[in-house]
N, C-alpha and C. Protein backbone atom coordinates (compact mmCIF):
# COMPACT_ATOMS: atom_id res chain seq x y z
N MET A 1 113.17 181.50 213.69
CA MET A 1 112.31 180.53 213.02
C MET A 1 113.16 179.31 212.66
N GLU A 2 112.70 178.15 213.09
CA GLU A 2 113.40 176.92 212.76
C GLU A 2 112.80 176.29 211.50
N ILE A 3 113.71 175.91 210.58
CA ILE A 3 113.30 175.27 209.32
C ILE A 3 113.78 173.84 209.36
N GLU A 4 112.87 172.90 209.23
CA GLU A 4 113.23 171.49 209.20
C GLU A 4 113.01 170.96 207.78
N LEU A 5 114.04 170.34 207.24
CA LEU A 5 113.96 169.75 205.89
C LEU A 5 113.78 168.26 206.02
N THR A 6 112.81 167.74 205.27
CA THR A 6 112.50 166.32 205.29
C THR A 6 112.49 165.77 203.89
N GLN A 7 113.20 164.68 203.66
CA GLN A 7 113.14 164.02 202.39
C GLN A 7 111.87 163.21 202.33
N VAL A 8 111.10 163.38 201.27
CA VAL A 8 109.76 162.76 201.18
C VAL A 8 109.65 161.90 199.94
N PRO A 9 108.72 160.91 199.97
CA PRO A 9 108.48 160.11 198.78
C PRO A 9 107.72 160.90 197.73
N ARG A 10 107.67 160.37 196.52
CA ARG A 10 107.04 161.06 195.39
C ARG A 10 105.56 161.28 195.55
N ASP A 11 104.89 160.54 196.41
CA ASP A 11 103.46 160.69 196.58
C ASP A 11 103.09 161.40 197.88
N ASP A 12 104.05 162.09 198.49
CA ASP A 12 103.80 162.79 199.75
C ASP A 12 102.73 163.88 199.54
N PRO A 13 101.68 163.89 200.34
CA PRO A 13 100.62 164.87 200.15
C PRO A 13 101.06 166.33 200.28
N SER A 14 101.96 166.62 201.20
CA SER A 14 102.45 168.00 201.34
C SER A 14 103.21 168.43 200.09
N MET A 15 104.05 167.54 199.57
CA MET A 15 104.83 167.86 198.38
C MET A 15 103.89 168.07 197.18
N LEU A 16 102.91 167.21 197.01
CA LEU A 16 101.98 167.34 195.89
C LEU A 16 101.19 168.64 195.98
N ARG A 17 100.79 169.03 197.20
CA ARG A 17 100.07 170.29 197.38
C ARG A 17 100.97 171.47 197.02
N LEU A 18 102.25 171.44 197.47
CA LEU A 18 103.17 172.52 197.16
C LEU A 18 103.45 172.57 195.67
N ALA A 19 103.63 171.42 195.03
CA ALA A 19 103.89 171.41 193.60
C ALA A 19 102.69 171.96 192.82
N GLY A 20 101.49 171.67 193.29
CA GLY A 20 100.29 172.24 192.67
C GLY A 20 100.25 173.75 192.82
N ALA A 21 100.62 174.23 194.01
CA ALA A 21 100.66 175.69 194.26
C ALA A 21 101.69 176.34 193.36
N LEU A 22 102.84 175.69 193.14
CA LEU A 22 103.86 176.22 192.25
C LEU A 22 103.30 176.34 190.84
N ARG A 23 102.66 175.29 190.33
CA ARG A 23 102.07 175.35 188.99
C ARG A 23 101.08 176.51 188.89
N ASN A 24 100.24 176.68 189.93
CA ASN A 24 99.26 177.78 189.91
C ASN A 24 99.93 179.14 189.91
N GLU A 25 100.99 179.30 190.68
CA GLU A 25 101.65 180.61 190.72
C GLU A 25 102.33 180.93 189.41
N VAL A 26 102.95 179.95 188.78
CA VAL A 26 103.57 180.17 187.47
C VAL A 26 102.51 180.69 186.49
N GLU A 27 101.34 180.10 186.50
CA GLU A 27 100.26 180.55 185.62
C GLU A 27 99.81 181.95 186.00
N LYS A 28 99.58 182.19 187.26
CA LYS A 28 99.09 183.49 187.73
C LYS A 28 100.04 184.62 187.38
N ARG A 29 101.36 184.36 187.52
CA ARG A 29 102.37 185.39 187.25
C ARG A 29 102.76 185.47 185.77
N GLY A 30 102.16 184.62 184.94
CA GLY A 30 102.47 184.67 183.50
C GLY A 30 103.86 184.20 183.21
N ALA A 31 104.44 183.36 184.07
CA ALA A 31 105.80 182.90 183.90
C ALA A 31 105.84 181.61 183.10
N HIS A 32 105.19 181.64 181.96
CA HIS A 32 105.08 180.42 181.15
C HIS A 32 105.32 180.66 179.66
N ASN A 33 105.69 181.91 179.29
CA ASN A 33 106.00 182.25 177.90
C ASN A 33 104.83 181.96 176.96
N GLY A 34 103.62 181.96 177.48
CA GLY A 34 102.46 181.71 176.65
C GLY A 34 102.24 180.25 176.27
N VAL A 35 103.09 179.38 176.82
CA VAL A 35 102.97 177.97 176.53
C VAL A 35 101.96 177.34 177.51
N ALA A 36 101.05 176.57 177.00
CA ALA A 36 100.02 175.96 177.83
C ALA A 36 100.61 175.13 178.94
N ARG A 37 99.89 175.07 180.04
CA ARG A 37 100.30 174.24 181.18
C ARG A 37 100.37 172.79 180.74
N PRO A 38 101.41 172.07 181.17
CA PRO A 38 101.48 170.66 180.80
C PRO A 38 100.30 169.88 181.38
N HIS A 39 99.82 168.95 180.60
CA HIS A 39 98.71 168.12 181.09
C HIS A 39 99.21 166.94 181.89
N THR A 40 100.51 166.84 182.05
CA THR A 40 101.09 165.76 182.82
C THR A 40 100.69 165.86 184.28
N PRO A 41 100.12 164.80 184.85
CA PRO A 41 99.82 164.84 186.28
C PRO A 41 101.13 164.99 187.07
N LEU A 42 101.01 165.66 188.21
CA LEU A 42 102.19 165.88 189.04
C LEU A 42 102.90 164.57 189.38
N THR A 43 102.13 163.53 189.66
CA THR A 43 102.77 162.26 190.03
C THR A 43 103.60 161.71 188.89
N GLU A 44 103.21 162.00 187.64
CA GLU A 44 104.00 161.59 186.47
C GLU A 44 105.23 162.51 186.30
N ALA A 45 105.02 163.79 186.49
CA ALA A 45 106.11 164.77 186.28
C ALA A 45 107.26 164.54 187.22
N ILE A 46 106.99 164.01 188.39
CA ILE A 46 108.06 163.84 189.39
C ILE A 46 108.72 162.48 189.37
N LYS A 47 108.32 161.60 188.48
CA LYS A 47 108.88 160.25 188.46
C LYS A 47 110.39 160.21 188.35
N ALA A 48 110.98 161.14 187.62
CA ALA A 48 112.43 161.10 187.39
C ALA A 48 113.23 161.77 188.51
N ASP A 49 112.55 162.36 189.48
CA ASP A 49 113.25 163.03 190.57
C ASP A 49 113.90 161.96 191.48
N SER A 50 115.14 162.21 191.87
CA SER A 50 115.82 161.26 192.74
C SER A 50 115.64 161.63 194.22
N ASP A 51 115.52 162.89 194.52
CA ASP A 51 115.37 163.34 195.89
C ASP A 51 114.40 164.50 195.91
N THR A 52 113.45 164.48 196.84
CA THR A 52 112.50 165.59 197.01
C THR A 52 112.50 165.97 198.47
N LEU A 53 112.61 167.29 198.71
CA LEU A 53 112.63 167.83 200.04
C LEU A 53 111.42 168.72 200.28
N VAL A 54 110.86 168.62 201.48
CA VAL A 54 109.84 169.55 201.92
C VAL A 54 110.40 170.25 203.15
N ALA A 55 110.28 171.58 203.16
CA ALA A 55 110.71 172.38 204.29
C ALA A 55 109.50 172.66 205.20
N TYR A 56 109.68 172.39 206.47
CA TYR A 56 108.62 172.65 207.44
C TYR A 56 109.03 173.76 208.37
N VAL A 57 108.10 174.68 208.62
CA VAL A 57 108.25 175.68 209.66
C VAL A 57 107.18 175.36 210.66
N GLY A 58 107.59 174.85 211.80
CA GLY A 58 106.61 174.27 212.74
C GLY A 58 105.99 173.06 212.08
N GLN A 59 104.69 173.00 212.05
CA GLN A 59 103.98 171.89 211.43
C GLN A 59 103.58 172.18 209.99
N GLU A 60 103.90 173.39 209.53
CA GLU A 60 103.45 173.82 208.20
C GLU A 60 104.49 173.51 207.10
N ALA A 61 104.02 172.93 206.02
CA ALA A 61 104.87 172.70 204.85
C ALA A 61 105.05 174.06 204.17
N ALA A 62 106.28 174.59 204.25
CA ALA A 62 106.53 175.96 203.81
C ALA A 62 107.18 176.04 202.44
N GLY A 63 107.78 174.94 201.96
CA GLY A 63 108.46 174.97 200.67
C GLY A 63 108.93 173.63 200.26
N MET A 64 109.44 173.57 199.01
CA MET A 64 109.92 172.28 198.50
C MET A 64 110.93 172.50 197.40
N GLY A 65 111.62 171.44 197.04
CA GLY A 65 112.57 171.41 195.94
C GLY A 65 112.93 169.98 195.64
N ALA A 66 113.34 169.70 194.43
CA ALA A 66 113.68 168.33 194.04
C ALA A 66 114.96 168.32 193.23
N LEU A 67 115.55 167.15 193.20
CA LEU A 67 116.80 166.91 192.45
C LEU A 67 116.51 165.82 191.44
N ARG A 68 116.95 166.04 190.22
CA ARG A 68 116.77 165.05 189.13
C ARG A 68 118.13 164.83 188.50
N MET A 69 118.52 163.58 188.38
CA MET A 69 119.80 163.26 187.69
C MET A 69 119.57 163.39 186.18
N VAL A 70 120.45 164.15 185.53
CA VAL A 70 120.30 164.41 184.09
C VAL A 70 121.23 163.52 183.30
N SER A 71 122.48 163.46 183.70
CA SER A 71 123.49 162.65 183.05
C SER A 71 124.58 162.40 184.07
N PRO A 72 125.54 161.53 183.80
CA PRO A 72 126.61 161.33 184.78
C PRO A 72 127.29 162.64 185.14
N GLY A 73 127.26 162.96 186.43
CA GLY A 73 127.92 164.17 186.91
C GLY A 73 127.07 165.43 186.85
N ILE A 74 125.87 165.36 186.27
CA ILE A 74 125.02 166.54 186.15
C ILE A 74 123.63 166.23 186.75
N ALA A 75 123.15 167.13 187.57
CA ALA A 75 121.81 167.03 188.15
C ALA A 75 121.06 168.32 187.87
N GLU A 76 119.76 168.24 187.93
CA GLU A 76 118.90 169.42 187.72
C GLU A 76 118.06 169.63 188.96
N ILE A 77 117.94 170.86 189.38
CA ILE A 77 117.08 171.24 190.50
C ILE A 77 115.74 171.59 189.91
N LYS A 78 114.70 170.98 190.47
CA LYS A 78 113.34 171.13 189.99
C LYS A 78 112.41 171.60 191.11
N ARG A 79 111.33 172.22 190.69
CA ARG A 79 110.20 172.55 191.57
C ARG A 79 110.59 173.30 192.85
N MET A 80 111.50 174.25 192.76
CA MET A 80 111.79 175.11 193.91
C MET A 80 110.57 175.99 194.16
N TYR A 81 110.07 175.95 195.37
CA TYR A 81 108.87 176.77 195.68
C TYR A 81 108.78 176.97 197.17
N VAL A 82 108.43 178.20 197.56
CA VAL A 82 108.16 178.55 198.94
C VAL A 82 106.83 179.28 198.97
N VAL A 83 105.97 178.89 199.91
CA VAL A 83 104.67 179.56 200.02
C VAL A 83 104.89 181.03 200.34
N PRO A 84 104.06 181.92 199.83
CA PRO A 84 104.26 183.36 200.03
C PRO A 84 104.48 183.80 201.46
N GLU A 85 103.79 183.19 202.40
CA GLU A 85 103.91 183.61 203.80
C GLU A 85 105.27 183.38 204.39
N HIS A 86 106.10 182.52 203.76
CA HIS A 86 107.42 182.21 204.30
C HIS A 86 108.56 182.72 203.42
N ARG A 87 108.25 183.50 202.44
CA ARG A 87 109.30 184.03 201.57
C ARG A 87 110.12 185.09 202.31
N GLY A 88 111.40 185.15 201.98
CA GLY A 88 112.28 186.13 202.60
C GLY A 88 112.84 185.71 203.94
N ALA A 89 112.51 184.48 204.37
CA ALA A 89 112.96 184.01 205.68
C ALA A 89 114.05 182.98 205.58
N GLY A 90 114.59 182.75 204.35
CA GLY A 90 115.68 181.80 204.21
C GLY A 90 115.26 180.37 203.89
N VAL A 91 113.98 180.13 203.70
CA VAL A 91 113.50 178.77 203.41
C VAL A 91 114.08 178.28 202.08
N ALA A 92 113.95 179.05 201.04
CA ALA A 92 114.45 178.61 199.72
C ALA A 92 115.95 178.41 199.74
N LYS A 93 116.65 179.29 200.40
CA LYS A 93 118.11 179.15 200.47
C LYS A 93 118.52 177.83 201.14
N ARG A 94 117.82 177.48 202.24
CA ARG A 94 118.07 176.20 202.93
C ARG A 94 117.80 175.02 202.04
N ILE A 95 116.68 175.07 201.31
CA ILE A 95 116.32 173.96 200.41
C ILE A 95 117.41 173.83 199.34
N LEU A 96 117.77 174.93 198.73
CA LEU A 96 118.77 174.93 197.68
C LEU A 96 120.11 174.36 198.16
N GLU A 97 120.54 174.80 199.33
CA GLU A 97 121.80 174.30 199.88
C GLU A 97 121.74 172.80 200.14
N GLU A 98 120.61 172.32 200.66
CA GLU A 98 120.48 170.90 200.94
C GLU A 98 120.43 170.07 199.65
N LEU A 99 119.76 170.59 198.64
CA LEU A 99 119.72 169.89 197.35
C LEU A 99 121.14 169.82 196.75
N GLU A 100 121.90 170.89 196.88
CA GLU A 100 123.29 170.86 196.41
C GLU A 100 124.12 169.83 197.18
N GLN A 101 123.89 169.71 198.48
CA GLN A 101 124.57 168.73 199.29
C GLN A 101 124.20 167.31 198.85
N LEU A 102 122.93 167.07 198.60
CA LEU A 102 122.48 165.76 198.11
C LEU A 102 123.12 165.44 196.78
N ALA A 103 123.22 166.44 195.93
CA ALA A 103 123.85 166.25 194.62
C ALA A 103 125.31 165.84 194.79
N ARG A 104 126.02 166.48 195.70
CA ARG A 104 127.42 166.11 195.96
C ARG A 104 127.51 164.64 196.43
N GLN A 105 126.57 164.23 197.28
CA GLN A 105 126.56 162.86 197.75
C GLN A 105 126.33 161.86 196.61
N HIS A 106 125.67 162.30 195.56
CA HIS A 106 125.43 161.46 194.38
C HIS A 106 126.60 161.53 193.40
N GLY A 107 127.64 162.28 193.75
CA GLY A 107 128.80 162.40 192.88
C GLY A 107 128.62 163.42 191.74
N VAL A 108 127.69 164.30 191.90
CA VAL A 108 127.40 165.31 190.89
C VAL A 108 128.46 166.41 190.94
N ARG A 109 128.94 166.83 189.78
CA ARG A 109 129.94 167.90 189.72
C ARG A 109 129.32 169.27 189.37
N ALA A 110 128.08 169.28 188.83
CA ALA A 110 127.42 170.54 188.52
C ALA A 110 125.89 170.35 188.58
N VAL A 111 125.21 171.37 189.04
CA VAL A 111 123.75 171.36 189.05
C VAL A 111 123.25 172.46 188.13
N ARG A 112 122.15 172.17 187.47
CA ARG A 112 121.51 173.11 186.55
C ARG A 112 120.06 173.32 186.99
N LEU A 113 119.50 174.38 186.46
CA LEU A 113 118.06 174.62 186.69
C LEU A 113 117.58 175.60 185.64
N ASP A 114 116.26 175.58 185.46
CA ASP A 114 115.65 176.55 184.55
C ASP A 114 114.60 177.31 185.31
N THR A 115 114.32 178.52 184.84
CA THR A 115 113.28 179.34 185.46
C THR A 115 112.80 180.35 184.42
N ASN A 116 112.01 181.29 184.86
CA ASN A 116 111.46 182.30 183.99
C ASN A 116 111.83 183.67 184.53
N ALA A 117 112.07 184.62 183.66
CA ALA A 117 112.49 185.97 184.06
C ALA A 117 111.45 186.63 184.96
N ARG A 118 110.16 186.27 184.82
CA ARG A 118 109.14 186.86 185.65
C ARG A 118 109.23 186.45 187.11
N LEU A 119 109.97 185.38 187.38
CA LEU A 119 110.14 184.93 188.76
C LEU A 119 111.41 185.61 189.30
N THR A 120 111.31 186.92 189.48
CA THR A 120 112.45 187.76 189.78
C THR A 120 113.17 187.36 191.08
N GLU A 121 112.39 186.97 192.08
CA GLU A 121 113.00 186.59 193.37
C GLU A 121 113.87 185.35 193.19
N ALA A 122 113.38 184.40 192.41
CA ALA A 122 114.15 183.15 192.18
C ALA A 122 115.43 183.48 191.42
N ASN A 123 115.34 184.28 190.38
CA ASN A 123 116.53 184.62 189.62
C ASN A 123 117.58 185.28 190.49
N ARG A 124 117.15 186.19 191.35
CA ARG A 124 118.08 186.89 192.24
C ARG A 124 118.72 185.87 193.19
N MET A 125 117.92 184.99 193.79
CA MET A 125 118.46 184.02 194.72
C MET A 125 119.49 183.11 194.05
N TYR A 126 119.20 182.65 192.85
CA TYR A 126 120.14 181.74 192.15
C TYR A 126 121.46 182.46 191.89
N ARG A 127 121.41 183.69 191.42
CA ARG A 127 122.64 184.43 191.17
C ARG A 127 123.43 184.64 192.49
N GLU A 128 122.72 185.01 193.55
CA GLU A 128 123.39 185.22 194.85
C GLU A 128 123.99 183.92 195.39
N ALA A 129 123.42 182.78 195.01
CA ALA A 129 123.90 181.49 195.47
C ALA A 129 125.05 180.94 194.59
N GLY A 130 125.50 181.74 193.63
CA GLY A 130 126.63 181.33 192.80
C GLY A 130 126.29 180.66 191.48
N TYR A 131 125.03 180.73 191.08
CA TYR A 131 124.66 180.17 189.78
C TYR A 131 124.97 181.17 188.71
N ARG A 132 125.45 180.67 187.56
CA ARG A 132 125.73 181.56 186.43
C ARG A 132 124.80 181.17 185.30
N GLU A 133 124.38 182.19 184.57
CA GLU A 133 123.46 181.96 183.44
C GLU A 133 124.17 181.21 182.33
N ILE A 134 123.51 180.23 181.77
CA ILE A 134 124.05 179.41 180.68
C ILE A 134 123.02 179.35 179.54
N ALA A 135 123.43 178.74 178.45
CA ALA A 135 122.51 178.55 177.30
C ALA A 135 121.45 177.53 177.66
N ASP A 136 120.38 177.55 176.96
CA ASP A 136 119.27 176.58 177.09
C ASP A 136 119.84 175.17 176.99
N TYR A 137 119.62 174.37 178.02
CA TYR A 137 120.15 173.01 178.03
C TYR A 137 119.07 171.95 177.94
N ASN A 138 117.78 172.36 178.04
CA ASN A 138 116.74 171.35 178.10
C ASN A 138 115.52 171.63 177.21
N SER A 139 115.55 172.72 176.47
CA SER A 139 114.46 173.08 175.55
C SER A 139 113.11 173.20 176.24
N ASN A 140 113.09 173.61 177.49
CA ASN A 140 111.82 173.83 178.19
C ASN A 140 111.19 175.08 177.64
N PRO A 141 110.06 174.98 176.94
CA PRO A 141 109.48 176.18 176.31
C PRO A 141 108.89 177.16 177.31
N ARG A 142 108.68 176.75 178.54
CA ARG A 142 108.13 177.66 179.57
C ARG A 142 109.24 178.41 180.31
N ALA A 143 110.49 178.06 180.06
CA ALA A 143 111.62 178.73 180.70
C ALA A 143 112.26 179.72 179.74
N ASP A 144 112.89 180.75 180.29
CA ASP A 144 113.68 181.64 179.47
C ASP A 144 114.98 182.06 180.15
N ARG A 145 115.29 181.36 181.25
CA ARG A 145 116.57 181.52 181.97
C ARG A 145 117.05 180.14 182.39
N TRP A 146 118.34 179.90 182.18
CA TRP A 146 118.96 178.64 182.52
C TRP A 146 120.21 178.93 183.31
N TYR A 147 120.44 178.19 184.38
CA TYR A 147 121.58 178.45 185.27
C TYR A 147 122.34 177.15 185.56
N GLU A 148 123.60 177.32 185.95
CA GLU A 148 124.43 176.19 186.37
C GLU A 148 125.36 176.63 187.48
N LYS A 149 125.66 175.69 188.37
CA LYS A 149 126.61 175.94 189.45
C LYS A 149 127.53 174.75 189.55
N SER A 150 128.81 175.01 189.57
CA SER A 150 129.81 173.95 189.74
C SER A 150 129.83 173.58 191.24
N LEU A 151 129.87 172.29 191.50
CA LEU A 151 129.95 171.82 192.88
C LEU A 151 131.36 171.33 193.22
N ALA A 152 132.28 171.46 192.27
CA ALA A 152 133.66 170.97 192.47
C ALA A 152 134.37 171.81 193.51
């Protein structure tokens, strides 16, 4: 299976559809710590993202991820998501690796991310990719796991 990664603009229809699917899955799986879904439209939520990638398998948008600059030398990985039909095929790993490469190109020395314990596959992937659990760095009430990886 060939996975093609494409950097897309903030209003890309495939990216917005995938981001909506991610929001829905977080709700469905209860990975929100009982905190209500943000009322922020997706187009507003992604304004601070510097790079957004969509992974295609054939013509199908199979996953996405974004990079947000947090402070000098620190970036945050946001909205990692792979549609269920393509999970376990390396799509998320490819997205994560490419986001890390983009972060290096921006001069970032460490990347962070937050997630929820109920998203067990994501937590396992982050640990296997070299992320270590850290203290809460962003006060996201819907997260209960925070990770960081040094890119040095």
